Amino acid sequence: MPESRQGDDLGAFLRARRAQVTPDDVGLGPHSRRRRRVPGLRREEVALLAGVSPDYYGRLEQGRERHPSAEVLASLATALQLTDDARGHLFRLAGAALAVVTPSSSVVDPALVTLMAAWPNSPALIYDLAYDVLATNEMADALFGGWPHSHNLLEVVFCDPLARSFYVDWAEVAADAVAGFRFNHGRQPTDPRVRAVLSQMLADSAEFAALWHGHDVRGKSLQQKRFQHADVGRITLTMQAFDVRSNPGQELVVYHAEPGSPSFDALRLLGSLTASIGE
């Protein structure tokens, strides 16, 4: 990443995260809430909490200081109450941690595809750093409708007209998708496909752009998602994500329903409907 761009990105991230932390969050007391002109902490408050001078912190936000030490970055991460994912992103923006230097492969391990096919009741898919879906099993195709709009998850969430009814909690899904994509972008900011997807989404979706400029960053974790499927109705699934070690940058996502639950029955019905169509 060019040094000037590195400083700009670091400053933008610090400004965005500072705006999300309130004086109450860090125990600064009621007097600090008076006559505030900023939505979150002031620059001098972050500097105080991080143990650096206000002038130095100001240079960081302005992009005039681009090489903070690891100790300063750790203090800033604590002051801004960053999650582990956001902390790693901060270090990468400052050049204090190595980003992935090998472009991620679009080739999927055949053994992994075979394993996914052995899960008849669990939708599973593999995508890369750019959120391009590289492989799916039959149940994932049945759940997501055969991906009629796009094989890029960001395009599906923000540009497919059916997404807002399909994802019951669309706003939450959208925010998680952008935060995860920013996490990936931080790992490989020079990847041509990652950059192309980012450019396209910023141009095509004002909602994506607004979330992107919020600078939230986090990897995927165990969570529940609710879908409204046209054929079988409401489905609530637990999602788990796993890094694909044989191809760094790829991620395997598996959905499953609690056995005996209405969602489990809905998945089985969806599978049988898909099988009957294929006969």
Protein backbone atom coordinates (compact mmCIF):
# COMPACT_ATOMS: atom_id res chain seq x y z
CA MET A 1 0.00 0.00 0.00
CA PRO A 2 1.47 3.45 -0.89
CA GLU A 3 2.60 5.32 2.22
CA SER A 4 0.30 8.32 1.60
CA ARG A 5 -2.71 6.04 1.17
CA GLN A 6 -1.68 4.11 4.28
CA GLY A 7 -1.71 7.29 6.35
CA ASP A 8 -5.09 8.36 4.95
CA ASP A 9 -6.68 5.00 5.72
CA LEU A 10 -5.23 4.94 9.23
CA GLY A 11 -6.50 8.43 9.96
CA ALA A 12 -9.96 7.71 8.59
CA PHE A 13 -10.20 4.57 10.71
CA LEU A 14 -9.15 6.39 13.89
CA ARG A 15 -11.64 9.20 13.27
CA ALA A 16 -14.50 6.78 12.61
CA ARG A 17 -13.81 4.68 15.68
CA ARG A 18 -13.33 7.73 17.92
CA ALA A 19 -16.82 8.87 16.93
CA GLN A 20 -18.27 5.56 18.15
CA VAL A 21 -16.91 5.74 21.71
CA THR A 22 -18.72 7.95 24.24
CA PRO A 23 -17.25 9.53 27.39
CA ASP A 24 -19.44 7.19 29.46
CA ASP A 25 -17.92 4.19 27.66
CA VAL A 26 -14.48 5.07 28.97
CA GLY A 27 -15.50 6.50 32.35
CA LEU A 28 -14.61 10.12 31.73
CA GLY A 29 -17.48 11.35 33.92
CA PRO A 30 -20.56 13.55 33.43
CA HIS A 31 -18.61 16.83 33.13
CA SER A 32 -17.14 15.63 29.82
CA ARG A 33 -20.58 15.49 28.19
CA ARG A 34 -21.12 19.26 28.36
CA ARG A 35 -21.04 21.35 25.17
CA ARG A 36 -19.71 18.58 22.97
CA ARG A 37 -19.31 19.24 19.26
CA VAL A 38 -18.40 15.69 18.29
CA PRO A 39 -20.54 12.53 18.52
CA GLY A 40 -17.87 10.54 20.36
CA LEU A 41 -14.58 11.29 22.05
CA ARG A 42 -12.49 14.37 21.38
CA ARG A 43 -8.99 13.97 19.98
CA GLU A 44 -7.41 15.11 23.23
CA GLU A 45 -9.48 12.56 25.16
CA VAL A 46 -8.22 9.70 23.01
CA ALA A 47 -4.68 11.01 23.41
CA LEU A 48 -5.10 11.14 27.20
CA LEU A 49 -6.47 7.60 27.34
CA ALA A 50 -3.71 6.27 25.07
CA GLY A 51 -0.91 8.10 26.86
CA VAL A 52 0.28 10.12 23.85
CA SER A 53 0.39 13.86 23.23
CA PRO A 54 -2.65 15.51 21.60
CA ASP A 55 -0.38 16.86 18.86
CA TYR A 56 0.95 13.41 18.03
CA TYR A 57 -2.53 11.88 17.94
CA GLY A 58 -3.73 14.75 15.76
CA ARG A 59 -0.95 14.00 13.27
CA LEU A 60 -2.05 10.35 13.19
CA GLU A 61 -5.62 11.30 12.30
CA GLN A 62 -4.42 13.80 9.70
CA GLY A 63 -2.16 11.27 8.00
CA ARG A 64 1.01 13.23 8.82
CA GLU A 65 2.33 10.53 11.16
CA ARG A 66 2.35 7.10 9.52
CA HIS A 67 4.65 4.96 11.65
CA PRO A 68 3.28 4.62 15.19
CA SER A 69 4.98 2.02 17.34
CA ALA A 70 3.33 -1.24 18.31
CA GLU A 71 3.06 0.09 21.87
CA VAL A 72 1.18 3.19 20.69
CA LEU A 73 -1.12 1.11 18.51
CA ALA A 74 -1.91 -1.20 21.43
CA SER A 75 -2.72 1.80 23.62
CA LEU A 76 -4.95 3.30 20.93
CA ALA A 77 -6.76 -0.01 20.49
CA THR A 78 -7.48 -0.11 24.19
CA ALA A 79 -8.56 3.53 24.34
CA LEU A 80 -10.94 3.04 21.41
CA GLN A 81 -12.22 -0.27 22.83
CA LEU A 82 -11.44 -2.18 19.64
CA THR A 83 -12.37 -5.82 19.23
CA ASP A 84 -9.64 -8.32 18.37
CA ASP A 85 -10.55 -8.11 14.67
CA ALA A 86 -10.52 -4.30 14.70
CA ARG A 87 -7.23 -4.29 16.64
CA GLY A 88 -5.61 -6.47 13.98
CA HIS A 89 -7.00 -4.19 11.29
CA LEU A 90 -5.50 -1.13 13.03
CA PHE A 91 -2.08 -2.78 13.12
CA ARG A 92 -2.31 -3.69 9.43
CA LEU A 93 -3.30 -0.14 8.47
CA ALA A 94 -0.24 1.15 10.31
CA GLY A 95 2.05 -1.36 8.61
CA ALA A 96 2.80 -3.03 11.92
CA ALA A 97 1.44 -6.42 10.86
CA LEU A 98 1.99 -8.29 7.65
CA ALA A 99 -0.95 -8.57 5.28
CA VAL A 100 -1.53 -11.64 3.18
CA VAL A 101 0.88 -11.33 0.27
CA THR A 102 -0.19 -14.33 -1.79
CA PRO A 103 -3.38 -13.76 -3.80
CA SER A 104 -6.12 -16.10 -2.68
CA SER A 105 -6.90 -18.95 -5.05
CA SER A 106 -10.28 -19.45 -6.71
CA VAL A 107 -9.64 -23.20 -6.95
CA VAL A 108 -11.54 -25.20 -4.36
CA ASP A 109 -10.14 -28.39 -2.87
CA PRO A 110 -12.12 -31.29 -4.47
CA ALA A 111 -12.11 -33.17 -1.17
CA LEU A 112 -13.87 -30.22 0.47
CA VAL A 113 -16.53 -30.19 -2.25
CA THR A 114 -17.10 -33.89 -1.63
CA LEU A 115 -17.43 -33.26 2.09
CA MET A 116 -19.99 -30.50 1.52
CA ALA A 117 -22.04 -32.80 -0.69
CA ALA A 118 -22.29 -35.27 2.20
CA TRP A 119 -24.31 -32.76 4.26
CA PRO A 120 -27.84 -33.18 2.86
CA ASN A 121 -29.48 -31.09 5.59
CA SER A 122 -26.82 -28.39 6.00
CA PRO A 123 -26.40 -25.59 3.46
CA ALA A 124 -22.70 -25.01 2.91
CA LEU A 125 -20.68 -22.68 0.72
CA ILE A 126 -17.12 -21.48 0.17
CA TYR A 127 -16.22 -17.90 -0.67
CA ASP A 128 -13.01 -15.91 -1.01
CA LEU A 129 -11.69 -12.58 0.28
CA ALA A 130 -13.76 -10.68 -2.30
CA TYR A 131 -16.92 -12.49 -1.13
CA ASP A 132 -17.19 -14.35 -4.44
CA VAL A 133 -18.92 -17.71 -3.88
CA LEU A 134 -16.65 -20.44 -5.23
CA ALA A 135 -18.58 -23.60 -4.35
CA THR A 136 -21.92 -24.63 -2.86
CA ASN A 137 -23.74 -27.82 -2.04
CA GLU A 138 -27.27 -28.62 -3.22
CA MET A 139 -28.90 -27.47 -0.02
CA ALA A 140 -27.19 -24.08 -0.23
CA ASP A 141 -28.44 -23.70 -3.80
CA ALA A 142 -31.94 -24.59 -2.63
CA LEU A 143 -31.80 -22.11 0.24
CA PHE A 144 -30.40 -19.21 -1.76
CA GLY A 145 -32.44 -19.86 -4.89
CA GLY A 146 -29.62 -20.97 -7.13
CA TRP A 147 -27.92 -17.55 -6.89
CA PRO A 148 -29.98 -15.99 -9.72
CA HIS A 149 -28.63 -12.46 -9.27
CA SER A 150 -24.92 -12.84 -8.55
CA HIS A 151 -22.31 -15.14 -7.07
CA ASN A 152 -20.88 -12.28 -5.04
CA LEU A 153 -22.37 -12.08 -1.56
CA LEU A 154 -22.13 -8.29 -1.35
CA GLU A 155 -23.98 -7.90 -4.63
CA VAL A 156 -26.65 -10.31 -3.40
CA VAL A 157 -27.17 -8.46 -0.12
CA PHE A 158 -27.15 -4.91 -1.48
CA CYS A 159 -28.25 -5.19 -5.12
CA ASP A 160 -30.63 -8.15 -5.36
CA PRO A 161 -34.17 -6.73 -5.02
CA LEU A 162 -35.31 -9.86 -3.17
CA ALA A 163 -32.60 -9.70 -0.50
CA ARG A 164 -34.51 -7.42 1.86
CA SER A 165 -37.38 -9.84 2.15
CA PHE A 166 -35.23 -12.98 2.06
CA TYR A 167 -32.99 -11.84 4.94
CA VAL A 168 -35.42 -11.19 7.80
CA ASP A 169 -32.81 -9.06 9.61
CA TRP A 170 -31.46 -7.40 6.49
CA ALA A 171 -29.88 -4.38 8.21
CA GLU A 172 -27.90 -6.63 10.54
CA VAL A 173 -26.84 -8.91 7.69
CA ALA A 174 -25.74 -5.91 5.63
CA ALA A 175 -23.68 -4.43 8.47
CA ASP A 176 -22.00 -7.78 9.17
CA ALA A 177 -21.22 -8.27 5.48
CA VAL A 178 -19.49 -4.90 5.16
CA ALA A 179 -17.57 -5.32 8.42
CA GLY A 180 -16.36 -8.73 7.26
CA PHE A 181 -15.40 -7.41 3.84
CA ARG A 182 -13.39 -4.60 5.47
CA PHE A 183 -11.63 -7.25 7.55
CA ASN A 184 -10.74 -9.10 4.33
CA HIS A 185 -9.73 -5.89 2.58
CA GLY A 186 -7.32 -5.14 5.40
CA ARG A 187 -5.71 -8.55 4.90
CA GLN A 188 -5.26 -8.07 1.15
CA PRO A 189 -5.80 -4.42 0.14
CA THR A 190 -3.95 -4.78 -3.18
CA ASP A 191 -5.83 -7.86 -4.44
CA PRO A 192 -7.30 -6.84 -7.83
CA ARG A 193 -10.62 -8.60 -7.29
CA VAL A 194 -11.05 -7.23 -3.76
CA ARG A 195 -10.38 -3.72 -5.06
CA ALA A 196 -12.75 -4.20 -8.01
CA VAL A 197 -15.59 -5.38 -5.77
CA LEU A 198 -15.04 -2.46 -3.40
CA SER A 199 -15.07 0.05 -6.24
CA GLN A 200 -18.20 -1.47 -7.76
CA MET A 201 -20.10 -1.60 -4.47
CA LEU A 202 -19.21 1.99 -3.57
CA ALA A 203 -20.58 3.07 -6.95
CA ASP A 204 -23.68 0.86 -6.94
CA SER A 205 -24.95 1.09 -3.36
CA ALA A 206 -25.23 4.19 -1.18
CA GLU A 207 -26.10 1.92 1.76
CA PHE A 208 -22.91 -0.08 1.29
CA ALA A 209 -20.91 3.16 1.05
CA ALA A 210 -22.41 4.52 4.28
CA LEU A 211 -21.55 1.32 6.15
CA TRP A 212 -18.09 1.18 4.60
CA HIS A 213 -17.26 4.68 5.77
CA GLY A 214 -18.30 3.65 9.29
CA HIS A 215 -15.09 1.57 9.45
CA ASP A 216 -16.58 -1.34 11.42
CA VAL A 217 -14.39 -4.41 11.05
CA ARG A 218 -14.87 -7.97 12.28
CA GLY A 219 -14.53 -11.51 11.04
CA LYS A 220 -17.42 -13.94 10.89
CA SER A 221 -18.37 -15.81 14.04
CA LEU A 222 -21.02 -18.18 15.32
CA GLN A 223 -24.40 -16.53 14.88
CA GLN A 224 -28.02 -17.13 13.93
CA LYS A 225 -29.65 -15.93 10.74
CA ARG A 226 -33.30 -15.81 9.80
CA PHE A 227 -34.51 -16.37 6.24
CA GLN A 228 -37.92 -16.02 4.65
CA HIS A 229 -37.94 -18.62 1.89
CA ALA A 230 -40.54 -18.41 -0.84
CA ASP A 231 -41.28 -22.16 -0.76
CA VAL A 232 -40.99 -23.18 2.90
CA GLY A 233 -41.41 -19.96 4.88
CA ARG A 234 -39.38 -18.79 7.87
CA ILE A 235 -36.12 -20.63 8.61
CA THR A 236 -33.78 -19.87 11.51
CA LEU A 237 -30.29 -21.31 11.08
CA THR A 238 -27.05 -21.24 13.04
CA MET A 239 -24.06 -20.23 10.94
CA GLN A 240 -20.47 -21.27 11.56
CA ALA A 241 -17.44 -20.13 9.55
CA PHE A 242 -14.11 -21.92 9.13
CA ASP A 243 -10.88 -20.82 7.45
CA VAL A 244 -9.82 -23.16 4.64
CA ARG A 245 -6.22 -23.94 5.51
CA SER A 246 -5.43 -25.53 2.16
CA ASN A 247 -6.30 -22.22 0.43
CA PRO A 248 -5.67 -19.19 2.67
CA GLY A 249 -8.26 -16.49 2.07
CA GLN A 250 -11.09 -18.94 1.46
CA GLU A 251 -13.77 -19.50 4.07
CA LEU A 252 -16.23 -22.35 4.54
CA VAL A 253 -19.64 -21.36 5.91
CA VAL A 254 -22.04 -24.02 7.15
CA TYR A 255 -25.65 -23.51 8.27
CA HIS A 256 -27.60 -25.94 10.38
CA ALA A 257 -30.93 -26.13 12.19
CA GLU A 258 -31.69 -27.60 15.59
CA PRO A 259 -32.94 -31.20 15.07
CA GLY A 260 -36.67 -31.44 15.68
CA SER A 261 -37.22 -27.70 15.26
CA PRO A 262 -39.60 -26.18 12.67
CA SER A 263 -36.55 -24.89 10.80
CA PHE A 264 -35.08 -28.39 10.63
CA ASP A 265 -38.34 -29.65 9.16
CA ALA A 266 -38.38 -26.75 6.72
CA LEU A 267 -34.87 -27.61 5.52
CA ARG A 268 -35.84 -31.24 4.98
CA LEU A 269 -38.91 -30.12 3.04
CA LEU A 270 -36.77 -27.79 0.97
CA GLY A 271 -34.40 -30.65 0.21
CA SER A 272 -37.23 -32.92 -0.89
CA LEU A 273 -38.69 -30.20 -3.11
CA THR A 274 -35.31 -29.70 -4.74
CA ALA A 275 -34.89 -33.44 -5.28
CA SER A 276 -38.34 -33.77 -6.88
CA ILE A 277 -37.59 -30.91 -9.27
CA GLY A 278 -34.38 -32.62 -10.32
CA GLU A 279 -36.10 -35.93 -11.13
